[in-house]
Amino acid sequence: MKLVLVRHGYTVGNDQGLYTGWSNTMLSDKGIEELKAYRKTHEYPKTDRYYTSDLTRTIDTFKLLYGENTPITESTFAFREINFGEYENVRWDRVPGIPYNEAYIRNQPHVAGETVSQVSMRLLGKLTAVLREMQEAGEDSVTIVCHSGVIKTFIMFLKPLSFEQYYNIDTPNGLGYVLDIEFDVANNYITLNNYEPIKRKK
């Protein structure tokens, strides 16, 4: 089965250096122009199903990359970014103490934000349900337009990688990865065979 993970385009929150997990920041002018360019220069595979998080930046990214006429199967809370708790809408360089991501990969509760356990259960629980539905429908490919932390967490758990490698997974805005996976429906077991970045058109 093929799983395509795409990060949303550059946002106003990114430009301002904010933690914007569940905050509904919008695509910036820069982000919109980059997405229009990427649609011309990169291969975004067509798939049987298309999902986004329920946050505006992923829905708008999907429409810019895949077109208004491509239907979204579901825009869901389950594929939201990490909830940064009290850091939401706070600038990264104004956060005292332990940076959120360091607490996250240690599965340490921090400023009322989500832990890696909570996020992985949310993401993998929904992905398992989607893959089960796909197998029953005879489908073998799905795209999820989501967030940096979502892509990093999926790859970290499915590869699997050590938590320390979380920082080394590159997630540029508007781009992402194509994953070759297998799904054992009887045991709800996902195997990642390979993954590679979304490619430039030849």
Protein backbone atom coordinates (compact mmCIF):
# COMPACT_ATOMS: atom_id res chain seq x y z
CA MET A 1 0.00 0.00 0.00
CA LYS A 2 1.12 3.56 -0.63
CA LEU A 3 0.87 6.30 2.01
CA VAL A 4 1.66 9.87 0.90
CA LEU A 5 2.35 12.39 3.68
CA VAL A 6 2.39 16.09 2.74
CA ARG A 7 3.09 19.01 5.06
CA HIS A 8 0.96 22.14 4.75
CA GLY A 9 2.41 25.24 3.12
CA TYR A 10 4.26 28.03 4.92
CA THR A 11 1.95 29.93 7.27
CA VAL A 12 1.61 33.29 8.97
CA GLY A 13 2.46 31.49 12.23
CA ASN A 14 5.65 30.06 10.69
CA ASP A 15 6.62 33.54 9.55
CA GLN A 16 6.09 34.92 13.06
CA GLY A 17 7.98 32.05 14.73
CA LEU A 18 4.97 30.83 16.72
CA TYR A 19 4.03 27.47 18.19
CA THR A 20 0.83 26.85 16.22
CA GLY A 21 -0.23 23.28 16.87
CA TRP A 22 -4.01 23.41 17.17
CA SER A 23 -4.16 27.15 16.44
CA ASN A 24 -5.84 27.87 13.12
CA THR A 25 -3.12 29.96 11.46
CA MET A 26 -3.52 30.68 7.74
CA LEU A 27 -1.23 30.14 4.77
CA SER A 28 0.97 33.18 4.14
CA ASP A 29 1.40 34.82 0.73
CA LYS A 30 4.83 33.15 0.57
CA GLY A 31 3.25 29.78 1.35
CA ILE A 32 0.60 30.15 -1.33
CA GLU A 33 3.16 31.06 -3.99
CA GLU A 34 5.46 28.18 -2.98
CA LEU A 35 2.60 25.68 -3.24
CA LYS A 36 1.65 26.92 -6.69
CA ALA A 37 5.29 26.48 -7.75
CA TYR A 38 5.60 23.03 -6.17
CA ARG A 39 2.50 21.82 -8.01
CA LYS A 40 4.36 22.51 -11.26
CA THR A 41 7.77 21.17 -10.20
CA HIS A 42 7.01 18.13 -8.01
CA GLU A 43 5.18 14.82 -8.36
CA TYR A 44 2.24 14.54 -5.96
CA PRO A 45 0.97 10.99 -6.59
CA LYS A 46 -2.72 10.46 -7.22
CA THR A 47 -4.24 8.14 -4.62
CA ASP A 48 -7.54 6.40 -3.88
CA ARG A 49 -8.27 8.57 -0.84
CA TYR A 50 -7.34 12.03 0.44
CA TYR A 51 -7.35 13.15 4.06
CA THR A 52 -6.41 16.41 5.77
CA SER A 53 -6.45 17.59 9.35
CA ASP A 54 -9.44 19.76 10.19
CA LEU A 55 -7.25 22.90 10.38
CA THR A 56 -7.57 25.46 7.61
CA ARG A 57 -3.91 25.44 6.57
CA THR A 58 -4.02 21.78 5.53
CA ILE A 59 -7.35 22.09 3.71
CA ASP A 60 -6.13 25.15 1.79
CA THR A 61 -2.84 23.37 0.99
CA PHE A 62 -4.76 20.40 -0.37
CA LYS A 63 -6.86 22.59 -2.66
CA LEU A 64 -3.80 24.39 -4.01
CA LEU A 65 -1.87 21.16 -4.68
CA TYR A 66 -4.64 18.84 -5.83
CA GLY A 67 -7.25 21.24 -7.20
CA GLU A 68 -10.73 22.25 -6.13
CA ASN A 69 -12.28 19.33 -8.04
CA THR A 70 -10.39 16.62 -6.13
CA PRO A 71 -12.64 15.50 -3.25
CA ILE A 72 -11.31 15.27 0.30
CA THR A 73 -12.39 11.97 1.83
CA GLU A 74 -12.30 13.46 5.34
CA SER A 75 -10.87 16.45 7.20
CA THR A 76 -10.28 15.08 10.67
CA PHE A 77 -9.19 16.15 14.14
CA ALA A 78 -7.17 12.93 14.31
CA PHE A 79 -4.51 14.24 11.91
CA ARG A 80 -3.96 17.58 13.68
CA GLU A 81 -0.54 18.85 14.69
CA ILE A 82 0.72 18.32 18.25
CA ASN A 83 -1.18 20.38 20.82
CA PHE A 84 1.45 22.65 22.38
CA GLY A 85 -0.71 23.51 25.37
CA GLU A 86 0.29 26.78 27.04
CA TYR A 87 2.84 27.43 24.28
CA GLU A 88 0.15 27.81 21.62
CA ASN A 89 0.67 31.11 19.75
CA VAL A 90 3.84 31.84 21.75
CA ARG A 91 7.07 32.68 19.91
CA TRP A 92 9.70 29.94 20.01
CA ASP A 93 12.40 32.34 21.20
CA ARG A 94 10.29 33.50 24.15
CA VAL A 95 9.68 30.08 25.70
CA PRO A 96 11.43 29.63 29.07
CA GLY A 97 12.88 26.35 30.30
CA ILE A 98 12.75 23.11 28.30
CA PRO A 99 11.77 23.53 24.62
CA TYR A 100 8.55 21.65 23.90
CA ASN A 101 10.03 19.24 21.34
CA GLU A 102 12.63 17.97 23.81
CA ALA A 103 9.90 17.18 26.32
CA TYR A 104 7.80 15.63 23.54
CA ILE A 105 10.35 13.05 22.42
CA ARG A 106 10.93 12.07 26.07
CA ASN A 107 7.18 11.49 26.45
CA GLN A 108 7.21 14.04 29.25
CA PRO A 109 4.03 16.04 30.02
CA HIS A 110 4.84 19.73 29.57
CA VAL A 111 2.77 22.94 29.86
CA ALA A 112 -0.50 21.02 29.35
CA GLY A 113 0.55 19.94 25.84
CA GLU A 114 0.27 16.51 24.25
CA THR A 115 2.86 13.79 24.85
CA VAL A 116 4.29 11.54 22.15
CA SER A 117 2.15 8.69 23.51
CA GLN A 118 -1.04 10.71 23.12
CA VAL A 119 -0.15 11.89 19.63
CA SER A 120 0.95 8.47 18.38
CA MET A 121 -2.25 6.84 19.66
CA ARG A 122 -4.33 9.52 17.96
CA LEU A 123 -2.46 9.26 14.65
CA LEU A 124 -1.91 5.52 14.42
CA GLY A 125 -5.40 4.73 15.67
CA LYS A 126 -6.93 6.76 12.85
CA LEU A 127 -4.46 5.49 10.25
CA THR A 128 -5.26 1.88 11.20
CA ALA A 129 -8.98 2.57 10.79
CA VAL A 130 -8.39 4.19 7.38
CA LEU A 131 -6.23 1.28 6.16
CA ARG A 132 -8.83 -1.23 7.31
CA GLU A 133 -11.55 0.61 5.35
CA MET A 134 -9.28 0.80 2.32
CA GLN A 135 -8.52 -2.91 2.37
CA GLU A 136 -12.22 -3.73 2.62
CA ALA A 137 -12.84 -1.42 -0.38
CA GLY A 138 -9.99 -2.90 -2.42
CA GLU A 139 -7.98 0.36 -2.33
CA ASP A 140 -4.23 0.60 -1.95
CA SER A 141 -3.20 4.27 -1.76
CA VAL A 142 -3.95 7.26 0.45
CA THR A 143 -2.70 10.84 0.84
CA ILE A 144 -2.71 12.74 4.15
CA VAL A 145 -2.06 16.50 4.06
CA CYS A 146 -1.04 17.28 7.61
CA HIS A 147 1.70 18.84 9.76
CA SER A 148 5.41 18.58 10.52
CA GLY A 149 4.98 16.87 13.89
CA VAL A 150 2.50 14.41 12.37
CA ILE A 151 4.91 13.37 9.61
CA LYS A 152 7.84 13.09 12.03
CA THR A 153 5.80 11.00 14.48
CA PHE A 154 4.48 8.65 11.77
CA ILE A 155 7.96 8.01 10.39
CA MET A 156 9.55 7.74 13.84
CA PHE A 157 7.11 5.01 14.89
CA LEU A 158 6.72 3.17 11.58
CA LYS A 159 10.40 3.04 10.56
CA PRO A 160 11.06 2.76 13.54
CA LEU A 161 13.62 5.37 14.57
CA SER A 162 14.92 6.25 18.02
CA PHE A 163 13.28 9.29 19.55
CA GLU A 164 16.56 11.20 19.19
CA GLN A 165 16.18 10.93 15.40
CA TYR A 166 12.95 12.96 15.53
CA TYR A 167 14.89 16.16 14.84
CA ASN A 168 16.61 14.65 11.79
CA ILE A 169 13.42 13.97 9.82
CA ASP A 170 13.20 16.82 7.32
CA THR A 171 9.69 18.21 6.80
CA PRO A 172 9.80 21.24 4.47
CA ASN A 173 6.55 23.13 4.02
CA GLY A 174 4.52 21.92 1.03
CA LEU A 175 6.52 18.73 0.53
CA GLY A 176 6.66 15.34 2.20
CA TYR A 177 7.20 11.61 1.71
CA VAL A 178 5.84 8.59 -0.13
CA LEU A 179 5.75 5.50 2.12
CA ASP A 180 5.55 1.89 0.93
CA ILE A 181 3.67 0.05 3.67
CA GLU A 182 1.99 -3.28 4.34
CA PHE A 183 -1.10 -3.66 6.51
CA ASP A 184 -1.99 -6.89 8.32
CA VAL A 185 -5.72 -6.34 8.81
CA ALA A 186 -6.11 -9.34 11.14
CA ASN A 187 -3.63 -7.92 13.63
CA ASN A 188 -3.87 -4.17 12.89
CA TYR A 189 -0.14 -4.29 12.13
CA ILE A 190 1.57 -1.75 9.86
CA THR A 191 4.98 -2.47 8.32
CA LEU A 192 7.00 0.30 6.64
CA ASN A 193 9.10 -1.15 3.81
CA ASN A 194 10.56 2.08 2.47
CA TYR A 195 10.01 5.81 2.28
CA GLU A 196 11.36 8.54 0.05
CA PRO A 197 10.79 12.26 -0.42
CA ILE A 198 8.24 13.52 -2.93
CA LYS A 199 10.23 13.82 -6.15
CA ARG A 200 10.75 16.67 -8.57
CA LYS A 201 9.22 16.17 -12.00
CA LYS A 202 11.64 15.03 -14.68
